[in-house]
Amino acid sequence: MKKPTEDPSNHDHLELMSTSELLTNINQEDQTVANAVKKEIPAIESFLKEALPRMREGGRLFYIGAGTSGRLGVVDASECPPTFGVDHGVVVGLIAGGDQAIRKAVEFAEDDTEQGWKDLLKHNIHSKDILVGIAASGGTPYVLGAIEHANENGMLTAGISCNPGSKLSKLAACPITPVVGPEFVTGSTRMKSGTAQKLVLNMISTALMIQLGHVKGNRMVDMQLSNNKLVERGTRMVCEQLKISSEKGKALLLKHGSVRSAIESYKD
C-alpha cells in the first residue's frame, strides 16, 4: 500500500536552507492541510450524525492513539471539561504506554494489538460509547486492535489517518482520511499529519459540544471558572448579556458558578 506520509519530502537539502527559507517552506506545506481536511467534511459529518444520538443517550467519546496521535487525542479530551463544563469522563483520551507516554515515548507500546482494548475495558465501556482511533499511518497495532474489538462489541468507531486505503480506514466504520502528502521532514508525521488530525479533532469535539447544548450564541456558557482569565471572560459574557455593571456581573458569576447559571438566575 502506498503511504503518502512516508513519501520523500517535496524539499531537499534542508540543512543548507536559511532560517527564512525553512520557515517559508514549512508554511507553504502547512497551507495544504486545511484543504485536505475540507475534503473530509462529508465523512466527519456522517460520523457526527451517528455519534450525537449516542452521546445524548449517555455514550462517551474515546480517543485512542500512540505517539503524537495519542497526545493529540489526550489534549482534545482534556480541553473539553474546562471549555464546555462537561465531566472528565465524557471525552477520554488514551495513549499507548499510559499517561507517562504523554511526555516521554514508551518503546514498542504501540505494537501490542490487545493493549488498547485492555485500556478501554478499565473505563467500563458499553455499546453506546464511541471510539475514534487516531493514527497518521493508519497501521498502528495498538489502535487497530482496539477498533476491531470495539466493532465486535457494538461501539461506533471512526478512524483518523492520513494514508488512503490504510488498515484503519478499512476497519473503522467511519473513516476520516485527510491526505496531506509528504512531510517537510520525510516521515515526520508530527507536522502536517499532526496538524490535520488536530483540526479534525477540533471539529469533532466542538461540533458535538455545541449540539449537546454547551454553547449559547457563540459563548462558552458552561466553561469552568478555573483561573482569573476565565472569571474575567465569564464576567464579560454576563455583563454583555444582562447589560449590568462589571462588579455586579462578577458577583453574580461567582455566586452561581457558571455563565449559564448566572444569566438564568438574574432578576432585575
C-alpha atoms as a PDB file:
ATOM      1  CA  MET A   1       0.000   0.000   0.000  1.00  0.00           C
ATOM      2  CA  LYS A   2       1.310   3.436  -0.928  1.00  0.00           C
ATOM      3  CA  LYS A   3       1.818   5.678   2.108  1.00  0.00           C
ATOM      4  CA  PRO A   4       1.942   9.382   1.214  1.00  0.00           C
ATOM      5  CA  THR A   5       3.029  10.192   4.773  1.00  0.00           C
ATOM      6  CA  GLU A   6       6.249   8.257   4.128  1.00  0.00           C
ATOM      7  CA  ASP A   7       6.973   9.687   0.667  1.00  0.00           C
ATOM      8  CA  PRO A   8      10.127  11.803   0.288  1.00  0.00           C
ATOM      9  CA  SER A   9       9.711  15.464   1.139  1.00  0.00           C
ATOM     10  CA  ASN A  10       8.997  17.967  -1.627  1.00  0.00           C
ATOM     11  CA  HIS A  11      12.108  19.782  -0.364  1.00  0.00           C
ATOM     12  CA  ASP A  12      15.702  18.599  -0.141  1.00  0.00           C
ATOM     13  CA  HIS A  13      18.983  19.787   1.374  1.00  0.00           C
ATOM     14  CA  LEU A  14      17.078  21.196   4.350  1.00  0.00           C
ATOM     15  CA  GLU A  15      20.307  21.664   6.286  1.00  0.00           C
ATOM     16  CA  LEU A  16      21.505  24.149   3.661  1.00  0.00           C
ATOM     17  CA  MET A  17      18.431  26.382   3.901  1.00  0.00           C
ATOM     18  CA  SER A  18      18.458  29.704   5.707  1.00  0.00           C
ATOM     19  CA  THR A  19      16.081  30.254   8.616  1.00  0.00           C
ATOM     20  CA  SER A  20      13.817  32.270   6.342  1.00  0.00           C
ATOM     21  CA  GLU A  21      13.765  29.521   3.729  1.00  0.00           C
ATOM     22  CA  LEU A  22      12.992  26.866   6.325  1.00  0.00           C
ATOM     23  CA  LEU A  23      10.094  28.828   7.784  1.00  0.00           C
ATOM     24  CA  THR A  24       8.697  29.826   4.399  1.00  0.00           C
ATOM     25  CA  ASN A  25       8.800  26.283   3.070  1.00  0.00           C
ATOM     26  CA  ILE A  26       7.250  24.778   6.199  1.00  0.00           C
ATOM     27  CA  ASN A  27       4.480  27.348   5.995  1.00  0.00           C
ATOM     28  CA  GLN A  28       3.986  26.591   2.323  1.00  0.00           C
ATOM     29  CA  GLU A  29       3.446  22.927   3.135  1.00  0.00           C
ATOM     30  CA  ASP A  30       1.132  23.751   6.050  1.00  0.00           C
ATOM     31  CA  GLN A  31      -1.180  25.707   3.757  1.00  0.00           C
ATOM     32  CA  THR A  32      -2.196  22.452   2.069  1.00  0.00           C
ATOM     33  CA  VAL A  33      -3.504  20.926   5.288  1.00  0.00           C
ATOM     34  CA  ALA A  34      -6.769  22.846   5.650  1.00  0.00           C
ATOM     35  CA  ASN A  35      -7.815  21.899   2.126  1.00  0.00           C
ATOM     36  CA  ALA A  36      -7.081  18.238   2.834  1.00  0.00           C
ATOM     37  CA  VAL A  37      -9.333  18.430   5.897  1.00  0.00           C
ATOM     38  CA  LYS A  38     -12.013  20.305   3.923  1.00  0.00           C
ATOM     39  CA  LYS A  39     -12.350  17.329   1.590  1.00  0.00           C
ATOM     40  CA  GLU A  40     -13.191  15.154   4.599  1.00  0.00           C
ATOM     41  CA  ILE A  41     -16.085  17.292   5.880  1.00  0.00           C
ATOM     42  CA  PRO A  42     -18.718  14.878   4.463  1.00  0.00           C
ATOM     43  CA  ALA A  43     -17.026  11.976   6.247  1.00  0.00           C
ATOM     44  CA  ILE A  44     -16.803  13.933   9.512  1.00  0.00           C
ATOM     45  CA  GLU A  45     -20.448  14.964   9.183  1.00  0.00           C
ATOM     46  CA  SER A  46     -21.517  11.370   8.609  1.00  0.00           C
ATOM     47  CA  PHE A  47     -19.675  10.281  11.745  1.00  0.00           C
ATOM     48  CA  LEU A  48     -21.151  13.070  13.872  1.00  0.00           C
ATOM     49  CA  LYS A  49     -24.699  12.209  12.789  1.00  0.00           C
ATOM     50  CA  GLU A  50     -24.194   8.773  14.294  1.00  0.00           C
ATOM     51  CA  ALA A  51     -22.193   9.927  17.320  1.00  0.00           C
ATOM     52  CA  LEU A  52     -24.550  12.657  18.553  1.00  0.00           C
ATOM     53  CA  PRO A  53     -27.572  10.489  19.416  1.00  0.00           C
ATOM     54  CA  ARG A  54     -25.300   8.050  21.243  1.00  0.00           C
ATOM     55  CA  MET A  55     -23.888  10.832  23.389  1.00  0.00           C
ATOM     56  CA  ARG A  56     -27.355  12.181  24.093  1.00  0.00           C
ATOM     57  CA  GLU A  57     -28.170   8.733  25.463  1.00  0.00           C
ATOM     58  CA  GLY A  58     -25.145   8.715  27.765  1.00  0.00           C
ATOM     59  CA  GLY A  59     -22.464   7.449  25.430  1.00  0.00           C
ATOM     60  CA  ARG A  60     -18.926   8.704  25.851  1.00  0.00           C
ATOM     61  CA  LEU A  61     -16.331   9.718  23.289  1.00  0.00           C
ATOM     62  CA  PHE A  62     -12.993   7.920  23.460  1.00  0.00           C
ATOM     63  CA  TYR A  63      -9.871   8.833  21.511  1.00  0.00           C
ATOM     64  CA  ILE A  64      -7.092   6.276  21.222  1.00  0.00           C
ATOM     65  CA  GLY A  65      -3.664   6.604  19.629  1.00  0.00           C
ATOM     66  CA  ALA A  66       0.085   6.284  20.036  1.00  0.00           C
ATOM     67  CA  GLY A  67       2.837   8.884  19.999  1.00  0.00           C
ATOM     68  CA  THR A  68       1.837  12.232  18.508  1.00  0.00           C
ATOM     69  CA  SER A  69      -1.591  10.896  17.542  1.00  0.00           C
ATOM     70  CA  GLY A  70      -2.257   9.735  21.088  1.00  0.00           C
ATOM     71  CA  ARG A  71      -1.072  13.033  22.560  1.00  0.00           C
ATOM     72  CA  LEU A  72      -3.394  14.977  20.264  1.00  0.00           C
ATOM     73  CA  GLY A  73      -6.344  12.900  21.452  1.00  0.00           C
ATOM     74  CA  VAL A  74      -5.400  13.450  25.089  1.00  0.00           C
ATOM     75  CA  VAL A  75      -5.099  17.204  24.511  1.00  0.00           C
ATOM     76  CA  ASP A  76      -8.512  17.460  22.856  1.00  0.00           C
ATOM     77  CA  ALA A  77     -10.187  15.369  25.546  1.00  0.00           C
ATOM     78  CA  SER A  78      -8.555  17.318  28.377  1.00  0.00           C
ATOM     79  CA  GLU A  79      -9.821  20.616  26.957  1.00  0.00           C
ATOM     80  CA  CYS A  80     -13.490  19.596  26.980  1.00  0.00           C
ATOM     81  CA  PRO A  81     -14.186  19.928  30.734  1.00  0.00           C
ATOM     82  CA  PRO A  82     -12.768  23.452  31.151  1.00  0.00           C
ATOM     83  CA  THR A  83     -14.158  24.683  27.829  1.00  0.00           C
ATOM     84  CA  PHE A  84     -17.616  23.128  27.904  1.00  0.00           C
ATOM     85  CA  GLY A  85     -18.161  22.230  31.553  1.00  0.00           C
ATOM     86  CA  VAL A  86     -18.618  18.504  30.954  1.00  0.00           C
ATOM     87  CA  ASP A  87     -17.382  15.845  33.352  1.00  0.00           C
ATOM     88  CA  HIS A  88     -13.904  14.459  32.743  1.00  0.00           C
ATOM     89  CA  GLY A  89     -15.314  11.066  31.788  1.00  0.00           C
ATOM     90  CA  VAL A  90     -17.412  12.341  28.879  1.00  0.00           C
ATOM     91  CA  VAL A  91     -14.465  12.677  26.471  1.00  0.00           C
ATOM     92  CA  VAL A  92     -11.474  10.457  27.238  1.00  0.00           C
ATOM     93  CA  GLY A  93      -8.067  10.304  25.571  1.00  0.00           C
ATOM     94  CA  LEU A  94      -5.988   7.113  25.772  1.00  0.00           C
ATOM     95  CA  ILE A  95      -2.372   6.828  24.652  1.00  0.00           C
ATOM     96  CA  ALA A  96      -0.230   3.728  24.161  1.00  0.00           C
ATOM     97  CA  GLY A  97       2.074   3.401  27.144  1.00  0.00           C
ATOM     98  CA  GLY A  98      -0.245   5.273  29.507  1.00  0.00           C
ATOM     99  CA  ASP A  99      -0.047   8.820  30.796  1.00  0.00           C
ATOM    100  CA  GLN A 100       3.757   8.655  31.105  1.00  0.00           C
ATOM    101  CA  ALA A 101       3.876   8.463  27.297  1.00  0.00           C
ATOM    102  CA  ILE A 102       2.395  11.958  27.042  1.00  0.00           C
ATOM    103  CA  ARG A 103       5.804  13.385  27.916  1.00  0.00           C
ATOM    104  CA  LYS A 104       8.202  10.597  27.009  1.00  0.00           C
ATOM    105  CA  ALA A 105       7.897   7.911  24.348  1.00  0.00           C
ATOM    106  CA  VAL A 106       7.373   4.383  25.670  1.00  0.00           C
ATOM    107  CA  GLU A 107       9.257   1.958  23.449  1.00  0.00           C
ATOM    108  CA  PHE A 108       7.156  -0.545  21.480  1.00  0.00           C
ATOM    109  CA  ALA A 109       3.951   0.338  23.391  1.00  0.00           C
ATOM    110  CA  GLU A 110       2.125   0.905  20.113  1.00  0.00           C
ATOM    111  CA  ASP A 111       2.932  -2.590  18.816  1.00  0.00           C
ATOM    112  CA  ASP A 112       0.608  -4.506  21.192  1.00  0.00           C
ATOM    113  CA  THR A 113      -2.667  -5.319  19.423  1.00  0.00           C
ATOM    114  CA  GLU A 114      -4.504  -6.185  22.665  1.00  0.00           C
ATOM    115  CA  GLN A 115      -3.401  -3.402  24.999  1.00  0.00           C
ATOM    116  CA  GLY A 116      -5.676  -0.754  23.523  1.00  0.00           C
ATOM    117  CA  TRP A 117      -8.762  -2.811  24.265  1.00  0.00           C
ATOM    118  CA  LYS A 118      -7.465  -3.628  27.750  1.00  0.00           C
ATOM    119  CA  ASP A 119      -7.048   0.105  28.387  1.00  0.00           C
ATOM    120  CA  LEU A 120     -10.615   0.728  27.246  1.00  0.00           C
ATOM    121  CA  LEU A 121     -12.032  -2.008  29.469  1.00  0.00           C
ATOM    122  CA  LYS A 122     -10.749  -0.098  32.511  1.00  0.00           C
ATOM    123  CA  HIS A 123     -13.406   2.514  31.712  1.00  0.00           C
ATOM    124  CA  ASN A 124     -16.337   0.079  31.801  1.00  0.00           C
ATOM    125  CA  ILE A 125     -17.173   0.784  28.180  1.00  0.00           C
ATOM    126  CA  HIS A 126     -20.532  -0.144  26.666  1.00  0.00           C
ATOM    127  CA  SER A 127     -22.196  -0.262  23.265  1.00  0.00           C
ATOM    128  CA  LYS A 128     -23.330   3.392  23.329  1.00  0.00           C
ATOM    129  CA  ASP A 129     -19.738   4.585  23.642  1.00  0.00           C
ATOM    130  CA  ILE A 130     -17.799   5.873  20.635  1.00  0.00           C
ATOM    131  CA  LEU A 131     -14.191   5.128  19.760  1.00  0.00           C
ATOM    132  CA  VAL A 132     -12.055   7.291  17.492  1.00  0.00           C
ATOM    133  CA  GLY A 133      -8.758   5.713  16.509  1.00  0.00           C
ATOM    134  CA  ILE A 134      -6.026   8.201  15.598  1.00  0.00           C
ATOM    135  CA  ALA A 135      -3.028   7.030  13.584  1.00  0.00           C
ATOM    136  CA  ALA A 136      -1.315   9.066  10.886  1.00  0.00           C
ATOM    137  CA  SER A 137      -0.033   5.907   9.210  1.00  0.00           C
ATOM    138  CA  GLY A 138      -3.321   4.091   9.650  1.00  0.00           C
ATOM    139  CA  GLY A 139      -1.478   0.958  10.724  1.00  0.00           C
ATOM    140  CA  THR A 140      -0.748   1.266  14.458  1.00  0.00           C
ATOM    141  CA  PRO A 141      -1.446  -2.139  16.090  1.00  0.00           C
ATOM    142  CA  TYR A 142      -2.484  -0.591  19.441  1.00  0.00           C
ATOM    143  CA  VAL A 143      -5.200   1.375  17.638  1.00  0.00           C
ATOM    144  CA  LEU A 144      -6.258  -1.311  15.165  1.00  0.00           C
ATOM    145  CA  GLY A 145      -6.773  -3.907  17.881  1.00  0.00           C
ATOM    146  CA  ALA A 146      -8.927  -1.536  19.905  1.00  0.00           C
ATOM    147  CA  ILE A 147     -11.052  -0.610  16.884  1.00  0.00           C
ATOM    148  CA  GLU A 148     -11.557  -4.255  15.973  1.00  0.00           C
ATOM    149  CA  HIS A 149     -12.742  -5.160  19.472  1.00  0.00           C
ATOM    150  CA  ALA A 150     -14.962  -2.060  19.609  1.00  0.00           C
ATOM    151  CA  ASN A 151     -16.637  -3.093  16.353  1.00  0.00           C
ATOM    152  CA  GLU A 152     -17.289  -6.550  17.774  1.00  0.00           C
ATOM    153  CA  ASN A 153     -18.891  -5.023  20.865  1.00  0.00           C
ATOM    154  CA  GLY A 154     -21.311  -2.733  19.058  1.00  0.00           C
ATOM    155  CA  MET A 155     -19.487   0.551  19.564  1.00  0.00           C
ATOM    156  CA  LEU A 156     -19.453   3.229  16.882  1.00  0.00           C
ATOM    157  CA  THR A 157     -15.915   3.521  15.513  1.00  0.00           C
ATOM    158  CA  ALA A 158     -14.093   6.155  13.486  1.00  0.00           C
ATOM    159  CA  GLY A 159     -10.524   6.326  12.280  1.00  0.00           C
ATOM    160  CA  ILE A 160      -8.444   9.416  11.572  1.00  0.00           C
ATOM    161  CA  SER A 161      -5.472   8.623   9.340  1.00  0.00           C
ATOM    162  CA  CYS A 162      -3.582  10.354   6.551  1.00  0.00           C
ATOM    163  CA  ASN A 163      -2.985   7.439   4.195  1.00  0.00           C
ATOM    164  CA  PRO A 164      -5.824   6.410   1.859  1.00  0.00           C
ATOM    165  CA  GLY A 165      -6.680   2.727   1.930  1.00  0.00           C
ATOM    166  CA  SER A 166      -4.931   2.169   5.263  1.00  0.00           C
ATOM    167  CA  LYS A 167      -5.888  -0.653   7.612  1.00  0.00           C
ATOM    168  CA  LEU A 168      -7.540   1.855   9.941  1.00  0.00           C
ATOM    169  CA  SER A 169      -9.593   3.360   7.104  1.00  0.00           C
ATOM    170  CA  LYS A 170     -10.830  -0.101   6.179  1.00  0.00           C
ATOM    171  CA  LEU A 171     -11.519  -1.259   9.729  1.00  0.00           C
ATOM    172  CA  ALA A 172     -13.272   1.797  11.200  1.00  0.00           C
ATOM    173  CA  ALA A 173     -16.978   2.212  10.480  1.00  0.00           C
ATOM    174  CA  CYS A 174     -16.410   5.917   9.792  1.00  0.00           C
ATOM    175  CA  PRO A 175     -13.031   6.548   8.125  1.00  0.00           C
ATOM    176  CA  ILE A 176     -11.765  10.130   8.061  1.00  0.00           C
ATOM    177  CA  THR A 177      -8.692  10.447   5.863  1.00  0.00           C
ATOM    178  CA  PRO A 178      -7.191  13.891   5.201  1.00  0.00           C
ATOM    179  CA  VAL A 179      -4.398  13.155   2.726  1.00  0.00           C
ATOM    180  CA  VAL A 180      -1.724  15.778   3.347  1.00  0.00           C
ATOM    181  CA  GLY A 181       1.039  14.154   1.300  1.00  0.00           C
ATOM    182  CA  PRO A 182       4.733  14.007   2.207  1.00  0.00           C
ATOM    183  CA  GLU A 183       6.014  15.796   5.274  1.00  0.00           C
ATOM    184  CA  PHE A 184       8.544  18.642   5.144  1.00  0.00           C
ATOM    185  CA  VAL A 185      10.955  16.377   7.010  1.00  0.00           C
ATOM    186  CA  THR A 186      10.359  12.999   5.395  1.00  0.00           C
ATOM    187  CA  GLY A 187       8.184  10.784   7.593  1.00  0.00           C
ATOM    188  CA  SER A 188       7.824  13.322  10.431  1.00  0.00           C
ATOM    189  CA  THR A 189       4.077  12.951  10.864  1.00  0.00           C
ATOM    190  CA  ARG A 190       4.020  15.269  13.869  1.00  0.00           C
ATOM    191  CA  MET A 191       3.987  18.035  11.250  1.00  0.00           C
ATOM    192  CA  LYS A 192       1.288  18.180   8.526  1.00  0.00           C
ATOM    193  CA  SER A 193      -0.361  14.927   9.561  1.00  0.00           C
ATOM    194  CA  GLY A 194      -0.477  16.032  13.187  1.00  0.00           C
ATOM    195  CA  THR A 195      -1.922  19.393  12.198  1.00  0.00           C
ATOM    196  CA  ALA A 196      -4.611  17.708  10.117  1.00  0.00           C
ATOM    197  CA  GLN A 197      -5.515  15.384  12.975  1.00  0.00           C
ATOM    198  CA  LYS A 198      -5.756  18.322  15.387  1.00  0.00           C
ATOM    199  CA  LEU A 199      -8.067  20.182  13.013  1.00  0.00           C
ATOM    200  CA  VAL A 200     -10.342  17.140  12.688  1.00  0.00           C
ATOM    201  CA  LEU A 201     -10.428  16.645  16.464  1.00  0.00           C
ATOM    202  CA  ASN A 202     -11.307  20.324  16.931  1.00  0.00           C
ATOM    203  CA  MET A 203     -14.228  19.861  14.558  1.00  0.00           C
ATOM    204  CA  ILE A 204     -15.470  16.661  16.203  1.00  0.00           C
ATOM    205  CA  SER A 205     -15.423  17.808  19.821  1.00  0.00           C
ATOM    206  CA  THR A 206     -16.578  21.371  19.158  1.00  0.00           C
ATOM    207  CA  ALA A 207     -19.496  20.359  16.935  1.00  0.00           C
ATOM    208  CA  LEU A 208     -20.633  17.706  19.406  1.00  0.00           C
ATOM    209  CA  MET A 209     -20.393  20.009  22.411  1.00  0.00           C
ATOM    210  CA  ILE A 210     -22.355  22.745  20.622  1.00  0.00           C
ATOM    211  CA  GLN A 211     -25.055  20.282  19.597  1.00  0.00           C
ATOM    212  CA  LEU A 212     -25.185  18.904  23.145  1.00  0.00           C
ATOM    213  CA  GLY A 213     -26.078  22.411  24.333  1.00  0.00           C
ATOM    214  CA  HIS A 214     -22.849  23.656  25.909  1.00  0.00           C
ATOM    215  CA  VAL A 215     -22.618  26.805  23.771  1.00  0.00           C
ATOM    216  CA  LYS A 216     -25.186  29.598  23.575  1.00  0.00           C
ATOM    217  CA  GLY A 217     -24.919  32.026  20.678  1.00  0.00           C
ATOM    218  CA  ASN A 218     -21.157  31.809  20.317  1.00  0.00           C
ATOM    219  CA  ARG A 219     -20.320  31.771  24.027  1.00  0.00           C
ATOM    220  CA  MET A 220     -18.870  29.043  26.258  1.00  0.00           C
ATOM    221  CA  VAL A 221     -21.641  29.402  28.825  1.00  0.00           C
ATOM    222  CA  ASP A 222     -20.692  26.221  30.721  1.00  0.00           C
ATOM    223  CA  MET A 223     -16.929  26.797  30.912  1.00  0.00           C
ATOM    224  CA  GLN A 224     -15.214  26.162  34.235  1.00  0.00           C
ATOM    225  CA  LEU A 225     -14.059  29.198  36.185  1.00  0.00           C
ATOM    226  CA  SER A 226     -10.641  27.730  36.904  1.00  0.00           C
ATOM    227  CA  ASN A 227      -8.486  30.870  36.720  1.00  0.00           C
ATOM    228  CA  ASN A 228      -8.716  34.661  36.763  1.00  0.00           C
ATOM    229  CA  LYS A 229      -8.682  34.912  32.968  1.00  0.00           C
ATOM    230  CA  LEU A 230     -11.759  32.722  32.705  1.00  0.00           C
ATOM    231  CA  VAL A 231     -13.518  34.580  35.513  1.00  0.00           C
ATOM    232  CA  GLU A 232     -12.896  37.825  33.620  1.00  0.00           C
ATOM    233  CA  ARG A 233     -14.129  36.271  30.372  1.00  0.00           C
ATOM    234  CA  GLY A 234     -17.239  34.934  32.099  1.00  0.00           C
ATOM    235  CA  THR A 235     -17.877  38.302  33.707  1.00  0.00           C
ATOM    236  CA  ARG A 236     -17.807  39.994  30.293  1.00  0.00           C
ATOM    237  CA  MET A 237     -20.297  37.461  28.943  1.00  0.00           C
ATOM    238  CA  VAL A 238     -22.680  38.005  31.841  1.00  0.00           C
ATOM    239  CA  CYS A 239     -22.394  41.787  31.645  1.00  0.00           C
ATOM    240  CA  GLU A 240     -22.913  41.886  27.884  1.00  0.00           C
ATOM    241  CA  GLN A 241     -25.943  39.605  28.075  1.00  0.00           C
ATOM    242  CA  LEU A 242     -27.619  41.248  31.063  1.00  0.00           C
ATOM    243  CA  LYS A 243     -26.453  44.851  30.488  1.00  0.00           C
ATOM    244  CA  ILE A 244     -25.181  45.203  34.052  1.00  0.00           C
ATOM    245  CA  SER A 245     -22.005  46.576  35.637  1.00  0.00           C
ATOM    246  CA  SER A 246     -18.787  44.621  35.830  1.00  0.00           C
ATOM    247  CA  GLU A 247     -18.960  44.473  39.615  1.00  0.00           C
ATOM    248  CA  LYS A 248     -22.497  43.135  39.617  1.00  0.00           C
ATOM    249  CA  GLY A 249     -21.743  40.692  36.792  1.00  0.00           C
ATOM    250  CA  LYS A 250     -18.692  39.235  38.548  1.00  0.00           C
ATOM    251  CA  ALA A 251     -20.561  38.841  41.832  1.00  0.00           C
ATOM    252  CA  LEU A 252     -23.390  37.068  40.042  1.00  0.00           C
ATOM    253  CA  LEU A 253     -20.999  34.799  38.169  1.00  0.00           C
ATOM    254  CA  LEU A 254     -19.066  33.782  41.284  1.00  0.00           C
ATOM    255  CA  LYS A 255     -22.258  33.174  43.213  1.00  0.00           C
ATOM    256  CA  HIS A 256     -23.758  30.822  40.629  1.00  0.00           C
ATOM    257  CA  GLY A 257     -20.578  29.238  39.273  1.00  0.00           C
ATOM    258  CA  SER A 258     -21.186  29.495  35.526  1.00  0.00           C
ATOM    259  CA  VAL A 259     -22.211  31.976  32.873  1.00  0.00           C
ATOM    260  CA  ARG A 260     -25.348  29.990  32.105  1.00  0.00           C
ATOM    261  CA  SER A 261     -26.488  29.795  35.720  1.00  0.00           C
ATOM    262  CA  ALA A 262     -25.709  33.457  36.353  1.00  0.00           C
ATOM    263  CA  ILE A 263     -27.776  34.585  33.360  1.00  0.00           C
ATOM    264  CA  GLU A 264     -30.673  32.239  34.046  1.00  0.00           C
ATOM    265  CA  SER A 265     -30.892  33.267  37.703  1.00  0.00           C
ATOM    266  CA  TYR A 266     -30.809  37.011  37.085  1.00  0.00           C
ATOM    267  CA  LYS A 267     -33.720  39.195  38.017  1.00  0.00           C
ATOM    268  CA  ASP A 268     -33.786  42.983  37.848  1.00  0.00           C
END
